[in-house]
Amino acid sequence: MNNNSLYPRSRTPHQPLATRASTPLTLGRHTVQRFHVQGDLYTRYELRYRGVIVLSQISPPSADDCTSAVRAHQRRQRRFVTHNWSRESITAASDGTGQA
């Protein structure tokens, strides 16, 4: 038998330090980026919305997970933008007067 040929049941050993390409996944309307954690068997999944990471987890997310993460991020952004975060309002809130 030739030693240069590949056997049908040959195995390649797992190399934990080998670099692996990140692969995008499309889940519904969202694109999730898949990253292999260096030196481990796990894969990290990240969902970005307008350049911000809104979901990062090890298990593969579903389309519903992605939608709820984006909506939660939008609610947080909306609440942050609509609230008055001036120095006077923060001082008034800490004093308990409620007057800005």
C-alpha atoms as a PDB file:
ATOM      1  CA  MET A   1       0.000   0.000   0.000  1.00  0.00           C
ATOM      2  CA  ASN A   2       1.242   3.463  -0.872  1.00  0.00           C
ATOM      3  CA  ASN A   3       1.992   5.673   2.160  1.00  0.00           C
ATOM      4  CA  ASN A   4       1.266   8.868   0.219  1.00  0.00           C
ATOM      5  CA  SER A   5      -2.397   8.082  -0.388  1.00  0.00           C
ATOM      6  CA  LEU A   6      -5.220   9.147   1.895  1.00  0.00           C
ATOM      7  CA  TYR A   7      -7.176   6.377   3.509  1.00  0.00           C
ATOM      8  CA  PRO A   8     -10.977   6.638   3.520  1.00  0.00           C
ATOM      9  CA  ARG A   9     -11.025   6.565   7.316  1.00  0.00           C
ATOM     10  CA  SER A  10      -8.102   8.878   7.922  1.00  0.00           C
ATOM     11  CA  ARG A  11      -8.411  11.495  10.652  1.00  0.00           C
ATOM     12  CA  THR A  12      -6.929  14.899  11.002  1.00  0.00           C
ATOM     13  CA  PRO A  13      -6.045  15.914  14.550  1.00  0.00           C
ATOM     14  CA  HIS A  14      -7.686  19.016  16.036  1.00  0.00           C
ATOM     15  CA  GLN A  15      -5.240  21.897  16.172  1.00  0.00           C
ATOM     16  CA  PRO A  16      -6.536  24.375  18.776  1.00  0.00           C
ATOM     17  CA  LEU A  17      -4.017  27.099  17.911  1.00  0.00           C
ATOM     18  CA  ALA A  18      -4.782  27.073  14.186  1.00  0.00           C
ATOM     19  CA  THR A  19      -6.486  30.214  12.917  1.00  0.00           C
ATOM     20  CA  ARG A  20      -9.930  29.729  11.443  1.00  0.00           C
ATOM     21  CA  ALA A  21     -11.875  32.047   9.203  1.00  0.00           C
ATOM     22  CA  SER A  22     -14.870  33.929  10.566  1.00  0.00           C
ATOM     23  CA  THR A  23     -18.026  33.088   8.692  1.00  0.00           C
ATOM     24  CA  PRO A  24     -21.197  35.197   8.439  1.00  0.00           C
ATOM     25  CA  LEU A  25     -24.573  33.528   8.999  1.00  0.00           C
ATOM     26  CA  THR A  26     -27.870  34.934   7.788  1.00  0.00           C
ATOM     27  CA  LEU A  27     -30.698  34.478  10.277  1.00  0.00           C
ATOM     28  CA  GLY A  28     -33.898  36.041   9.010  1.00  0.00           C
ATOM     29  CA  ARG A  29     -33.098  39.693   8.296  1.00  0.00           C
ATOM     30  CA  HIS A  30     -29.932  39.703  10.405  1.00  0.00           C
ATOM     31  CA  THR A  31     -26.356  38.709   9.672  1.00  0.00           C
ATOM     32  CA  VAL A  32     -24.468  37.101  12.546  1.00  0.00           C
ATOM     33  CA  GLN A  33     -20.678  36.903  12.482  1.00  0.00           C
ATOM     34  CA  ARG A  34     -19.159  33.638  13.703  1.00  0.00           C
ATOM     35  CA  PHE A  35     -15.724  33.714  15.362  1.00  0.00           C
ATOM     36  CA  HIS A  36     -13.724  30.738  16.550  1.00  0.00           C
ATOM     37  CA  VAL A  37     -12.354  31.295  20.059  1.00  0.00           C
ATOM     38  CA  GLN A  38      -8.585  30.941  19.904  1.00  0.00           C
ATOM     39  CA  GLY A  39      -7.299  27.843  21.706  1.00  0.00           C
ATOM     40  CA  ASP A  40     -10.765  26.477  22.475  1.00  0.00           C
ATOM     41  CA  LEU A  41     -13.447  24.383  20.817  1.00  0.00           C
ATOM     42  CA  TYR A  42     -16.130  27.053  21.240  1.00  0.00           C
ATOM     43  CA  THR A  43     -17.437  29.429  18.607  1.00  0.00           C
ATOM     44  CA  ARG A  44     -18.613  32.955  19.468  1.00  0.00           C
ATOM     45  CA  TYR A  45     -21.555  34.472  17.597  1.00  0.00           C
ATOM     46  CA  GLU A  46     -21.882  38.268  17.376  1.00  0.00           C
ATOM     47  CA  LEU A  47     -24.720  40.362  16.019  1.00  0.00           C
ATOM     48  CA  ARG A  48     -23.956  43.978  15.185  1.00  0.00           C
ATOM     49  CA  TYR A  49     -26.513  46.694  14.668  1.00  0.00           C
ATOM     50  CA  ARG A  50     -25.167  49.962  13.219  1.00  0.00           C
ATOM     51  CA  GLY A  51     -21.647  49.072  14.325  1.00  0.00           C
ATOM     52  CA  VAL A  52     -22.567  48.170  17.918  1.00  0.00           C
ATOM     53  CA  ILE A  53     -22.463  44.601  19.225  1.00  0.00           C
ATOM     54  CA  VAL A  54     -25.993  43.904  20.471  1.00  0.00           C
ATOM     55  CA  LEU A  55     -25.699  40.130  20.935  1.00  0.00           C
ATOM     56  CA  SER A  56     -22.689  37.987  21.766  1.00  0.00           C
ATOM     57  CA  GLN A  57     -23.021  34.372  22.810  1.00  0.00           C
ATOM     58  CA  ILE A  58     -21.472  30.940  22.389  1.00  0.00           C
ATOM     59  CA  SER A  59     -24.558  29.008  21.309  1.00  0.00           C
ATOM     60  CA  PRO A  60     -25.964  29.673  17.830  1.00  0.00           C
ATOM     61  CA  PRO A  61     -28.720  32.314  18.056  1.00  0.00           C
ATOM     62  CA  SER A  62     -32.120  31.992  16.445  1.00  0.00           C
ATOM     63  CA  ALA A  63     -33.790  34.650  14.309  1.00  0.00           C
ATOM     64  CA  ASP A  64     -36.035  35.537  17.276  1.00  0.00           C
ATOM     65  CA  ASP A  65     -32.975  36.041  19.520  1.00  0.00           C
ATOM     66  CA  CYS A  66     -31.514  38.455  16.975  1.00  0.00           C
ATOM     67  CA  THR A  67     -34.768  40.394  16.587  1.00  0.00           C
ATOM     68  CA  SER A  68     -35.258  40.756  20.346  1.00  0.00           C
ATOM     69  CA  ALA A  69     -31.625  41.879  20.831  1.00  0.00           C
ATOM     70  CA  VAL A  70     -31.966  44.573  18.147  1.00  0.00           C
ATOM     71  CA  ARG A  71     -35.290  45.788  19.587  1.00  0.00           C
ATOM     72  CA  ALA A  72     -33.845  45.944  23.107  1.00  0.00           C
ATOM     73  CA  HIS A  73     -30.910  47.970  21.782  1.00  0.00           C
ATOM     74  CA  GLN A  74     -33.280  50.331  19.955  1.00  0.00           C
ATOM     75  CA  ARG A  75     -35.323  50.826  23.159  1.00  0.00           C
ATOM     76  CA  ARG A  76     -32.169  51.621  25.145  1.00  0.00           C
ATOM     77  CA  GLN A  77     -31.023  54.112  22.502  1.00  0.00           C
ATOM     78  CA  ARG A  78     -34.438  55.760  22.324  1.00  0.00           C
ATOM     79  CA  ARG A  79     -34.615  56.098  26.110  1.00  0.00           C
ATOM     80  CA  PHE A  80     -31.085  57.545  26.264  1.00  0.00           C
ATOM     81  CA  VAL A  81     -31.743  60.098  23.505  1.00  0.00           C
ATOM     82  CA  THR A  82     -35.142  61.276  24.770  1.00  0.00           C
ATOM     83  CA  HIS A  83     -34.036  61.738  28.373  1.00  0.00           C
ATOM     84  CA  ASN A  84     -32.504  65.059  29.400  1.00  0.00           C
ATOM     85  CA  TRP A  85     -29.001  64.189  30.605  1.00  0.00           C
ATOM     86  CA  SER A  86     -27.820  67.723  31.405  1.00  0.00           C
ATOM     87  CA  ARG A  87     -25.712  68.389  34.495  1.00  0.00           C
ATOM     88  CA  GLU A  88     -28.495  70.445  36.071  1.00  0.00           C
ATOM     89  CA  SER A  89     -31.098  67.693  35.727  1.00  0.00           C
ATOM     90  CA  ILE A  90     -28.728  65.126  37.255  1.00  0.00           C
ATOM     91  CA  THR A  91     -27.977  67.437  40.183  1.00  0.00           C
ATOM     92  CA  ALA A  92     -31.678  68.188  40.668  1.00  0.00           C
ATOM     93  CA  ALA A  93     -32.529  64.494  40.608  1.00  0.00           C
ATOM     94  CA  SER A  94     -29.884  63.721  43.219  1.00  0.00           C
ATOM     95  CA  ASP A  95     -31.149  66.617  45.413  1.00  0.00           C
ATOM     96  CA  GLY A  96     -34.699  65.369  45.123  1.00  0.00           C
ATOM     97  CA  THR A  97     -36.080  68.739  44.000  1.00  0.00           C
ATOM     98  CA  GLY A  98     -37.010  67.596  40.482  1.00  0.00           C
ATOM     99  CA  GLN A  99     -36.433  71.117  39.149  1.00  0.00           C
ATOM    100  CA  ALA A 100     -33.909  71.543  36.361  1.00  0.00           C
END
